PDB file of N, CA and C in Angstrom:
ATOM      1  N   GLN A   1     -23.410  -6.015   2.987  1.00  0.00           N
ATOM      2  CA  GLN A   1     -23.955  -4.910   3.436  1.00  0.00           C
ATOM      3  C   GLN A   1     -25.609  -5.031   2.674  1.00  0.00           C
ATOM      4  N   ALA A   2     -25.422  -5.577   1.436  1.00  0.00           N
ATOM      5  CA  ALA A   2     -26.810  -5.494   1.024  1.00  0.00           C
ATOM      6  C   ALA A   2     -27.650  -6.497   1.757  1.00  0.00           C
ATOM      7  N   LEU A   3     -27.210  -7.720   2.050  1.00  0.00           N
ATOM      8  CA  LEU A   3     -27.835  -8.410   2.921  1.00  0.00           C
ATOM      9  C   LEU A   3     -28.712  -8.104   4.161  1.00  0.00           C
ATOM     10  N   ARG A   4     -27.699  -7.363   4.856  1.00  0.00           N
ATOM     11  CA  ARG A   4     -28.260  -6.365   5.907  1.00  0.00           C
ATOM     12  C   ARG A   4     -29.138  -5.924   5.839  1.00  0.00           C
ATOM     13  N   ALA A   5     -28.973  -4.898   4.767  1.00  0.00           N
ATOM     14  CA  ALA A   5     -30.140  -4.005   4.386  1.00  0.00           C
ATOM     15  C   ALA A   5     -31.508  -4.520   4.123  1.00  0.00           C
ATOM     16  N   ARG A   6     -31.368  -5.784   2.959  1.00  0.00           N
ATOM     17  CA  ARG A   6     -32.626  -6.244   2.999  1.00  0.00           C
ATOM     18  C   ARG A   6     -33.511  -6.811   3.978  1.00  0.00           C
ATOM     19  N   LEU A   7     -32.554  -7.728   5.211  1.00  0.00           N
ATOM     20  CA  LEU A   7     -33.082  -8.135   5.918  1.00  0.00           C
ATOM     21  C   LEU A   7     -33.843  -6.887   7.289  1.00  0.00           C
ATOM     22  N   LEU A   8     -33.176  -6.004   7.326  1.00  0.00           N
ATOM     23  CA  LEU A   8     -33.834  -5.041   7.759  1.00  0.00           C
ATOM     24  C   LEU A   8     -35.227  -4.356   7.457  1.00  0.00           C
ATOM     25  N   ARG A   9     -35.171  -4.401   6.002  1.00  0.00           N
ATOM     26  CA  ARG A   9     -36.369  -3.704   5.027  1.00  0.00           C
ATOM     27  C   ARG A   9     -37.132  -5.037   5.596  1.00  0.00           C
ATOM     28  N   LEU A  10     -36.887  -6.070   5.672  1.00  0.00           N
ATOM     29  CA  LEU A  10     -38.013  -7.251   5.367  1.00  0.00           C
ATOM     30  C   LEU A  10     -38.548  -7.121   6.780  1.00  0.00           C
ATOM     31  N   LEU A  11     -37.578  -7.049   7.916  1.00  0.00           N
ATOM     32  CA  LEU A  11     -38.316  -7.031   9.180  1.00  0.00           C
ATOM     33  C   LEU A  11     -39.508  -5.830   9.708  1.00  0.00           C
ATOM     34  N   THR A  12     -38.902  -4.658   8.899  1.00  0.00           N
ATOM     35  CA  THR A  12     -39.754  -3.423   8.593  1.00  0.00           C
ATOM     36  C   THR A  12     -41.190  -3.970   8.136  1.00  0.00           C
ATOM     37  N   THR A  13     -40.997  -4.848   6.714  1.00  0.00           N
ATOM     38  CA  THR A  13     -42.267  -4.744   6.146  1.00  0.00           C
ATOM     39  C   THR A  13     -43.004  -5.579   7.192  1.00  0.00           C
ATOM     40  N   LEU A  14     -42.390  -6.955   7.754  1.00  0.00           N
ATOM     41  CA  LEU A  14     -43.043  -7.630   9.004  1.00  0.00           C
ATOM     42  C   LEU A  14     -43.733  -7.141  10.172  1.00  0.00           C
ATOM     43  N   GLU A  15     -43.152  -5.793  10.396  1.00  0.00           N
ATOM     44  CA  GLU A  15     -43.548  -4.937  11.621  1.00  0.00           C
ATOM     45  C   GLU A  15     -42.803  -5.713  12.496  1.00  0.00           C
ATOM     46  N   ALA A  16     -41.357  -6.412  12.290  1.00  0.00           N
ATOM     47  CA  ALA A  16     -40.980  -7.228  13.518  1.00  0.00           C
ATOM     48  C   ALA A  16     -39.761  -6.186  13.951  1.00  0.00           C
ATOM     49  N   THR A  17     -39.422  -4.825  13.484  1.00  0.00           N
ATOM     50  CA  THR A  17     -38.538  -3.999  14.107  1.00  0.00           C
ATOM     51  C   THR A  17     -38.367  -3.772  15.404  1.00  0.00           C
ATOM     52  N   ASP A  18     -39.443  -4.201  16.492  1.00  0.00           N
ATOM     53  CA  ASP A  18     -39.533  -3.774  17.818  1.00  0.00           C
ATOM     54  C   ASP A  18     -38.677  -4.793  18.297  1.00  0.00           C
ATOM     55  N   ASP A  19     -38.731  -6.239  17.992  1.00  0.00           N
ATOM     56  CA  ASP A  19     -38.035  -7.507  18.311  1.00  0.00           C
ATOM     57  C   ASP A  19     -36.255  -6.895  18.280  1.00  0.00           C
ATOM     58  N   HIS A  20     -36.127  -6.169  19.375  1.00  0.00           N
ATOM     59  CA  HIS A  20     -34.686  -5.555  19.491  1.00  0.00           C
ATOM     60  C   HIS A  20     -33.745  -6.756  19.801  1.00  0.00           C
ATOM     61  N   LYS A  21     -34.003  -7.955  20.344  1.00  0.00           N
ATOM     62  CA  LYS A  21     -32.818  -8.991  20.046  1.00  0.00           C
ATOM     63  C   LYS A  21     -32.594  -9.595  19.057  1.00  0.00           C
ATOM     64  N   LEU A  22     -34.009 -10.027  18.065  1.00  0.00           N
ATOM     65  CA  LEU A  22     -34.175 -10.347  17.341  1.00  0.00           C
ATOM     66  C   LEU A  22     -33.012  -9.556  15.738  1.00  0.00           C
ATOM     67  N   THR A  23     -33.177  -8.107  15.951  1.00  0.00           N
ATOM     68  CA  THR A  23     -32.626  -7.424  15.187  1.00  0.00           C
ATOM     69  C   THR A  23     -31.425  -7.426  15.103  1.00  0.00           C
ATOM     70  N   ASP A  24     -30.852  -7.428  17.029  1.00  0.00           N
ATOM     71  CA  ASP A  24     -29.255  -7.185  17.206  1.00  0.00           C
ATOM     72  C   ASP A  24     -28.617  -8.412  17.010  1.00  0.00           C
ATOM     73  N   TRP A  25     -29.211  -9.818  16.891  1.00  0.00           N
ATOM     74  CA  TRP A  25     -28.829 -10.879  16.604  1.00  0.00           C
ATOM     75  C   TRP A  25     -28.395 -10.653  15.255  1.00  0.00           C
ATOM     76  N   LEU A  26     -29.384 -10.306  14.209  1.00  0.00           N
ATOM     77  CA  LEU A  26     -29.092 -10.570  13.028  1.00  0.00           C
ATOM     78  C   LEU A  26     -28.178  -9.766  12.583  1.00  0.00           C
ATOM     79  N   GLN A  27     -27.891  -8.000  13.243  1.00  0.00           N
ATOM     80  CA  GLN A  27     -26.607  -7.343  12.914  1.00  0.00           C
ATOM     81  C   GLN A  27     -25.403  -8.448  13.157  1.00  0.00           C
ATOM     82  N   GLN A  28     -25.474  -8.684  14.374  1.00  0.00           N
ATOM     83  CA  GLN A  28     -24.146  -9.453  14.871  1.00  0.00           C
ATOM     84  C   GLN A  28     -23.493 -10.471  13.974  1.00  0.00           C
ATOM     85  N   ARG A  29     -24.613 -11.314  13.571  1.00  0.00           N
ATOM     86  CA  ARG A  29     -24.458 -12.676  12.944  1.00  0.00           C
ATOM     87  C   ARG A  29     -24.029 -12.356  11.742  1.00  0.00           C
ATOM     88  N   ILE A  30     -24.485 -11.695  10.848  1.00  0.00           N
ATOM     89  CA  ILE A  30     -24.691 -11.898   9.173  1.00  0.00           C
ATOM     90  C   ILE A  30     -23.335 -11.797   8.935  1.00  0.00           C
ATOM     91  N   GLY A  31     -22.545 -11.071   9.620  1.00  0.00           N
ATOM     92  CA  GLY A  31     -21.264 -10.795   9.108  1.00  0.00           C
ATOM     93  C   GLY A  31     -20.342 -12.082   9.320  1.00  0.00           C
ATOM     94  N   LEU A  32     -20.923 -13.115  10.332  1.00  0.00           N
ATOM     95  CA  LEU A  32     -20.125 -14.377  10.608  1.00  0.00           C
ATOM     96  C   LEU A  32     -20.447 -15.558   9.582  1.00  0.00           C
ATOM     97  N   LEU A  33     -21.518 -15.287   8.561  1.00  0.00           N
ATOM     98  CA  LEU A  33     -21.805 -16.165   7.590  1.00  0.00           C
ATOM     99  C   LEU A  33     -20.728 -16.657   6.808  1.00  0.00           C
ATOM    100  N   GLY A  34     -20.660 -17.950   6.309  1.00  0.00           N
ATOM    101  CA  GLY A  34     -19.857 -17.907   5.276  1.00  0.00           C
ATOM    102  C   GLY A  34     -20.392 -17.758   3.874  1.00  0.00           C
ATOM    103  N   GLN A  35     -19.555 -17.994   3.064  1.00  0.00           N
ATOM    104  CA  GLN A  35     -20.083 -17.368   1.701  1.00  0.00           C
ATOM    105  C   GLN A  35     -21.640 -18.408   1.148  1.00  0.00           C
ATOM    106  N   ARG A  36     -21.049 -19.641   1.395  1.00  0.00           N
ATOM    107  CA  ARG A  36     -22.380 -20.528   0.802  1.00  0.00           C
ATOM    108  C   ARG A  36     -23.613 -20.249   1.436  1.00  0.00           C
ATOM    109  N   ASP A  37     -23.555 -19.953   3.006  1.00  0.00           N
ATOM    110  CA  ASP A  37     -24.782 -19.648   3.566  1.00  0.00           C
ATOM    111  C   ASP A  37     -25.362 -18.178   3.376  1.00  0.00           C
ATOM    112  N   THR A  38     -24.409 -17.250   3.136  1.00  0.00           N
ATOM    113  CA  THR A  38     -24.878 -16.025   2.617  1.00  0.00           C
ATOM    114  C   THR A  38     -26.090 -15.937   1.264  1.00  0.00           C
ATOM    115  N   VAL A  39     -25.355 -16.913   0.337  1.00  0.00           N
ATOM    116  CA  VAL A  39     -25.819 -16.944  -0.619  1.00  0.00           C
ATOM    117  C   VAL A  39     -27.536 -17.492  -0.589  1.00  0.00           C
ATOM    118  N   MET A  40     -27.684 -18.232   0.202  1.00  0.00           N
ATOM    119  CA  MET A  40     -28.603 -18.964   0.633  1.00  0.00           C
ATOM    120  C   MET A  40     -29.621 -18.164   1.702  1.00  0.00           C
ATOM    121  N   LEU A  41     -29.043 -17.510   2.135  1.00  0.00           N
ATOM    122  CA  LEU A  41     -29.758 -16.386   2.875  1.00  0.00           C
ATOM    123  C   LEU A  41     -30.688 -15.517   2.164  1.00  0.00           C
ATOM    124  N   HIS A  42     -29.501 -14.828   1.112  1.00  0.00           N
ATOM    125  CA  HIS A  42     -30.195 -14.170   0.139  1.00  0.00           C
ATOM    126  C   HIS A  42     -31.492 -14.621  -0.963  1.00  0.00           C
ATOM    127  N   ARG A  43     -31.178 -15.953  -1.036  1.00  0.00           N
ATOM    128  CA  ARG A  43     -32.152 -16.424  -1.708  1.00  0.00           C
ATOM    129  C   ARG A  43     -33.548 -16.576  -0.988  1.00  0.00           C
ATOM    130  N   LEU A  44     -33.218 -16.864   0.351  1.00  0.00           N
ATOM    131  CA  LEU A  44     -34.486 -17.279   1.016  1.00  0.00           C
ATOM    132  C   LEU A  44     -35.144 -15.534   1.385  1.00  0.00           C
ATOM    133  N   VAL A  45     -34.404 -14.348   1.498  1.00  0.00           N
ATOM    134  CA  VAL A  45     -35.010 -13.401   1.365  1.00  0.00           C
ATOM    135  C   VAL A  45     -35.947 -12.952   0.372  1.00  0.00           C
ATOM    136  N   HIS A  46     -35.185 -13.252  -0.745  1.00  0.00           N
ATOM    137  CA  HIS A  46     -35.496 -12.900  -2.200  1.00  0.00           C
ATOM    138  C   HIS A  46     -37.079 -13.707  -2.381  1.00  0.00           C
ATOM    139  N   ASP A  47     -37.258 -14.807  -1.917  1.00  0.00           N
ATOM    140  CA  ASP A  47     -38.419 -15.788  -1.771  1.00  0.00           C
ATOM    141  C   ASP A  47     -39.354 -15.194  -1.140  1.00  0.00           C
ATOM    142  N   ILE A  48     -39.194 -14.864   0.330  1.00  0.00           N
ATOM    143  CA  ILE A  48     -39.897 -13.959   1.121  1.00  0.00           C
ATOM    144  C   ILE A  48     -40.378 -12.837   0.376  1.00  0.00           C
ATOM    145  N   GLU A  49     -39.391 -12.187  -0.082  1.00  0.00           N
ATOM    146  CA  GLU A  49     -39.754 -10.863  -0.329  1.00  0.00           C
ATOM    147  C   GLU A  49     -40.956 -10.689  -1.868  1.00  0.00           C
ATOM    148  N   LYS A  50     -40.405 -11.788  -2.503  1.00  0.00           N
ATOM    149  CA  LYS A  50     -41.534 -12.307  -3.933  1.00  0.00           C
ATOM    150  C   LYS A  50     -42.858 -12.292  -3.301  1.00  0.00           C
ATOM    151  N   LYS A  51     -43.114 -13.613  -2.098  1.00  0.00           N
ATOM    152  CA  LYS A  51     -44.357 -14.067  -1.820  1.00  0.00           C
ATOM    153  C   LYS A  51     -45.102 -12.710  -1.161  1.00  0.00           C
ATOM    154  N   LEU A  52     -44.637 -11.765  -0.300  1.00  0.00           N
ATOM    155  CA  LEU A  52     -45.127 -10.672   0.365  1.00  0.00           C
ATOM    156  C   LEU A  52     -45.588  -9.349  -0.843  1.00  0.00           C
ATOM    157  N   THR A  53     -45.106  -9.541  -1.863  1.00  0.00           N
ATOM    158  CA  THR A  53     -45.560  -8.680  -2.789  1.00  0.00           C
ATOM    159  C   THR A  53     -46.459  -9.111  -3.836  1.00  0.00           C
ATOM    160  N   LYS A  54     -47.217 -10.319  -3.769  1.00  0.00           N
ATOM    161  CA  LYS A  54     -48.104 -10.907  -4.419  1.00  0.00           C
ATOM    162  C   LYS A  54     -49.118 -10.478  -3.843  1.00  0.00           C
TER     163      LYS A  54
END
């Protein structure tokens, strides 16, 4: 749930929420990720968020 919320916030920040195909794909696929992939995606989102706030 936390990753899903972070990704949706990131899409909003990037003004990409209008891309419904991407948003739907993310919503559907996040739950299918393995634990290692989920951890890596959290790290990637964190790095992107950090760069955007600079």
